[in-house]
C-alpha atoms as a PDB file:
ATOM      1  CA  UNK A   1     114.029 158.358  73.250  1.00  0.00           C
ATOM      2  CA  UNK A   2     110.643 159.173  73.331  1.00  0.00           C
ATOM      3  CA  UNK A   3     108.045 157.730  70.732  1.00  0.00           C
ATOM      4  CA  UNK A   4     104.548 159.287  69.812  1.00  0.00           C
ATOM      5  CA  UNK A   5     102.162 157.319  71.845  1.00  0.00           C
ATOM      6  CA  UNK A   6      99.167 158.674  70.254  1.00  0.00           C
ATOM      7  CA  UNK A   7      98.218 155.776  67.673  1.00  0.00           C
ATOM      8  CA  UNK A   8      94.580 155.536  66.791  1.00  0.00           C
ATOM      9  CA  UNK A   9      94.522 152.522  64.291  1.00  0.00           C
ATOM     10  CA  UNK A  10      93.280 149.114  65.621  1.00  0.00           C
ATOM     11  CA  UNK A  11      96.259 147.530  63.072  1.00  0.00           C
ATOM     12  CA  UNK A  12      99.632 147.227  65.069  1.00  0.00           C
ATOM     13  CA  UNK A  13     102.609 146.054  62.786  1.00  0.00           C
ATOM     14  CA  UNK A  14     104.836 143.608  65.014  1.00  0.00           C
ATOM     15  CA  UNK A  15     107.945 143.066  62.508  1.00  0.00           C
ATOM     16  CA  UNK A  16     109.483 143.555  59.308  1.00  0.00           C
ATOM     17  CA  UNK A  17     109.258 140.052  57.562  1.00  0.00           C
ATOM     18  CA  UNK A  18     111.175 141.052  54.439  1.00  0.00           C
ATOM     19  CA  UNK A  19     112.073 143.949  51.889  1.00  0.00           C
ATOM     20  CA  UNK A  20     112.286 144.135  47.920  1.00  0.00           C
ATOM     21  CA  UNK A  21     115.296 145.525  46.425  1.00  0.00           C
ATOM     22  CA  UNK A  22     114.807 146.017  42.752  1.00  0.00           C
ATOM     23  CA  UNK A  23     118.432 145.578  40.849  1.00  0.00           C
ATOM     24  CA  UNK A  24     120.390 145.694  38.078  1.00  0.00           C
ATOM     25  CA  UNK A  25     121.822 142.542  38.076  1.00  0.00           C
ATOM     26  CA  UNK A  26     120.912 139.818  40.779  1.00  0.00           C
ATOM     27  CA  UNK A  27     124.139 137.692  40.625  1.00  0.00           C
ATOM     28  CA  UNK A  28     126.482 141.093  41.230  1.00  0.00           C
ATOM     29  CA  UNK A  29     123.903 142.167  44.199  1.00  0.00           C
ATOM     30  CA  UNK A  30     124.227 138.613  45.290  1.00  0.00           C
ATOM     31  CA  UNK A  31     128.279 138.542  45.195  1.00  0.00           C
ATOM     32  CA  UNK A  32     127.703 141.867  47.076  1.00  0.00           C
ATOM     33  CA  UNK A  33     125.758 141.022  49.888  1.00  0.00           C
ATOM     34  CA  UNK A  34     127.221 137.781  50.394  1.00  0.00           C
ATOM     35  CA  UNK A  35     130.695 138.719  50.309  1.00  0.00           C
ATOM     36  CA  UNK A  36     130.536 141.923  51.870  1.00  0.00           C
ATOM     37  CA  UNK A  37     127.901 142.043  54.496  1.00  0.00           C
ATOM     38  CA  UNK A  38     127.828 137.673  54.971  1.00  0.00           C
ATOM     39  CA  UNK A  39     124.335 137.487  54.023  1.00  0.00           C
ATOM     40  CA  UNK A  40     123.204 133.950  52.584  1.00  0.00           C
ATOM     41  CA  UNK A  41     121.438 133.949  49.101  1.00  0.00           C
ATOM     42  CA  UNK A  42     118.430 131.796  48.284  1.00  0.00           C
ATOM     43  CA  UNK A  43     117.113 130.973  45.253  1.00  0.00           C
ATOM     44  CA  UNK A  44     113.302 129.589  44.646  1.00  0.00           C
ATOM     45  CA  UNK A  45     110.993 128.218  41.962  1.00  0.00           C
ATOM     46  CA  UNK A  46     110.549 130.758  38.880  1.00  0.00           C
ATOM     47  CA  UNK A  47     113.977 132.067  39.183  1.00  0.00           C
ATOM     48  CA  UNK A  48     113.188 134.390  42.392  1.00  0.00           C
ATOM     49  CA  UNK A  49     116.127 135.528  44.716  1.00  0.00           C
ATOM     50  CA  UNK A  50     116.530 136.383  48.139  1.00  0.00           C
ATOM     51  CA  UNK A  51     119.380 137.798  50.372  1.00  0.00           C
ATOM     52  CA  UNK A  52     118.935 135.993  54.525  1.00  0.00           C
ATOM     53  CA  UNK A  53     120.169 137.423  57.697  1.00  0.00           C
ATOM     54  CA  UNK A  54     119.617 137.096  60.999  1.00  0.00           C
ATOM     55  CA  UNK A  55     115.054 136.314  60.888  1.00  0.00           C
ATOM     56  CA  UNK A  56     115.050 138.764  57.668  1.00  0.00           C
ATOM     57  CA  UNK A  57     115.272 138.588  53.959  1.00  0.00           C
ATOM     58  CA  UNK A  58     115.813 140.267  51.138  1.00  0.00           C
ATOM     59  CA  UNK A  59     113.592 139.552  47.985  1.00  0.00           C
ATOM     60  CA  UNK A  60     115.687 141.021  45.082  1.00  0.00           C
ATOM     61  CA  UNK A  61     113.977 141.893  42.096  1.00  0.00           C
ATOM     62  CA  UNK A  62     115.594 142.217  38.555  1.00  0.00           C
ATOM     63  CA  UNK A  63     114.699 146.268  37.061  1.00  0.00           C
ATOM     64  CA  UNK A  64     114.098 144.278  33.273  1.00  0.00           C
ATOM     65  CA  UNK A  65     111.894 141.984  34.824  1.00  0.00           C
ATOM     66  CA  UNK A  66     109.886 143.646  37.858  1.00  0.00           C
ATOM     67  CA  UNK A  67     107.646 140.975  39.440  1.00  0.00           C
ATOM     68  CA  UNK A  68     103.808 141.998  39.573  1.00  0.00           C
ATOM     69  CA  UNK A  69     102.923 143.213  42.518  1.00  0.00           C
ATOM     70  CA  UNK A  70     105.689 145.861  42.706  1.00  0.00           C
ATOM     71  CA  UNK A  71     106.207 149.488  43.381  1.00  0.00           C
ATOM     72  CA  UNK A  72     105.159 152.024  41.432  1.00  0.00           C
ATOM     73  CA  UNK A  73     108.484 153.080  39.913  1.00  0.00           C
ATOM     74  CA  UNK A  74     110.964 150.133  41.075  1.00  0.00           C
ATOM     75  CA  UNK A  75     114.232 151.624  40.780  1.00  0.00           C
ATOM     76  CA  UNK A  76     118.031 150.399  41.348  1.00  0.00           C
ATOM     77  CA  UNK A  77     119.526 152.513  43.315  1.00  0.00           C
ATOM     78  CA  UNK A  78     116.586 154.430  45.283  1.00  0.00           C
ATOM     79  CA  UNK A  79     117.250 152.308  48.371  1.00  0.00           C
ATOM     80  CA  UNK A  80     118.747 153.632  52.058  1.00  0.00           C
ATOM     81  CA  UNK A  81     119.266 150.868  54.650  1.00  0.00           C
ATOM     82  CA  UNK A  82     120.773 150.350  57.829  1.00  0.00           C
ATOM     83  CA  UNK A  83     121.838 146.724  58.796  1.00  0.00           C
ATOM     84  CA  UNK A  84     122.926 146.094  62.489  1.00  0.00           C
ATOM     85  CA  UNK A  85     126.263 143.985  63.277  1.00  0.00           C
ATOM     86  CA  UNK A  86     127.828 142.315  66.519  1.00  0.00           C
ATOM     87  CA  UNK A  87     130.889 143.103  64.613  1.00  0.00           C
ATOM     88  CA  UNK A  88     132.464 146.037  66.307  1.00  0.00           C
ATOM     89  CA  UNK A  89     132.258 149.088  63.948  1.00  0.00           C
ATOM     90  CA  UNK A  90     136.437 149.563  63.985  1.00  0.00           C
ATOM     91  CA  UNK A  91     135.953 146.090  62.733  1.00  0.00           C
ATOM     92  CA  UNK A  92     133.762 146.486  59.616  1.00  0.00           C
ATOM     93  CA  UNK A  93     135.283 149.760  58.931  1.00  0.00           C
ATOM     94  CA  UNK A  94     139.200 148.136  58.788  1.00  0.00           C
ATOM     95  CA  UNK A  95     137.366 144.953  56.767  1.00  0.00           C
ATOM     96  CA  UNK A  96     135.253 147.828  54.244  1.00  0.00           C
ATOM     97  CA  UNK A  97     138.584 149.596  53.970  1.00  0.00           C
ATOM     98  CA  UNK A  98     140.821 146.077  53.034  1.00  0.00           C
ATOM     99  CA  UNK A  99     138.125 144.808  50.847  1.00  0.00           C
ATOM    100  CA  UNK A 100     138.505 148.070  48.698  1.00  0.00           C
ATOM    101  CA  UNK A 101     134.880 149.080  49.711  1.00  0.00           C
ATOM    102  CA  UNK A 102     134.717 153.117  49.549  1.00  0.00           C
ATOM    103  CA  UNK A 103     133.514 154.190  52.835  1.00  0.00           C
ATOM    104  CA  UNK A 104     130.819 157.136  52.453  1.00  0.00           C
ATOM    105  CA  UNK A 105     130.610 158.545  55.899  1.00  0.00           C
ATOM    106  CA  UNK A 106     131.681 157.041  59.468  1.00  0.00           C
ATOM    107  CA  UNK A 107     132.192 155.738  61.916  1.00  0.00           C
ATOM    108  CA  UNK A 108     129.781 158.289  63.199  1.00  0.00           C
ATOM    109  CA  UNK A 109     127.422 158.231  65.934  1.00  0.00           C
ATOM    110  CA  UNK A 110     123.348 158.147  64.792  1.00  0.00           C
ATOM    111  CA  UNK A 111     120.260 157.403  66.272  1.00  0.00           C
ATOM    112  CA  UNK A 112     118.627 153.669  65.685  1.00  0.00           C
ATOM    113  CA  UNK A 113     115.228 152.454  65.956  1.00  0.00           C
ATOM    114  CA  UNK A 114     115.938 151.160  70.304  1.00  0.00           C
ATOM    115  CA  UNK A 115     118.316 154.114  70.972  1.00  0.00           C
ATOM    116  CA  UNK A 116     121.992 155.085  69.562  1.00  0.00           C
ATOM    117  CA  UNK A 117     124.324 153.492  67.283  1.00  0.00           C
ATOM    118  CA  UNK A 118     127.249 153.861  65.677  1.00  0.00           C
ATOM    119  CA  UNK A 119     127.426 153.547  61.891  1.00  0.00           C
ATOM    120  CA  UNK A 120     129.592 153.596  58.642  1.00  0.00           C
ATOM    121  CA  UNK A 121     128.060 153.929  55.214  1.00  0.00           C
ATOM    122  CA  UNK A 122     128.702 152.269  52.326  1.00  0.00           C
ATOM    123  CA  UNK A 123     126.677 152.104  48.569  1.00  0.00           C
ATOM    124  CA  UNK A 124     126.321 149.001  47.078  1.00  0.00           C
ATOM    125  CA  UNK A 125     126.777 148.160  42.780  1.00  0.00           C
ATOM    126  CA  UNK A 126     123.122 149.838  42.278  1.00  0.00           C
ATOM    127  CA  UNK A 127     124.444 152.975  44.786  1.00  0.00           C
ATOM    128  CA  UNK A 128     121.843 152.088  47.575  1.00  0.00           C
ATOM    129  CA  UNK A 129     123.155 153.725  51.084  1.00  0.00           C
ATOM    130  CA  UNK A 130     123.690 151.494  53.411  1.00  0.00           C
ATOM    131  CA  UNK A 131     124.568 151.768  56.716  1.00  0.00           C
ATOM    132  CA  UNK A 132     126.290 149.217  58.819  1.00  0.00           C
ATOM    133  CA  UNK A 133     125.931 150.052  62.623  1.00  0.00           C
ATOM    134  CA  UNK A 134     126.612 148.399  66.281  1.00  0.00           C
ATOM    135  CA  UNK A 135     124.045 149.052  68.834  1.00  0.00           C
ATOM    136  CA  UNK A 136     125.349 151.275  71.844  1.00  0.00           C
END
């Protein structure tokens, strides 16, 4: 896979530490990400909540109480995220069906950041599009 290497910026980003999801209900979001995707909830001072997986985390902000600073238009359901898993994607799909989670699309082949992936797509409680993929 060819990437554009003509970068004139002296700033070089090395990794994503965390991202923020604006959600309508933090407890409902946590239940989904914990039970469906196996993430771990972490509570912080001041009522802040994050979901951990691997070396990353997703900070959760309630739509009715956005923390400052925040995106210009923090909106539940506006994200499109892709998570990698070592669980075979066919097993993932079977587990989702068993949990009565609607599979929007997949399994399908896609292009990931490090090469080909095989994915299934679902939606979280706010309607965010969640892609779950195997690195091929």
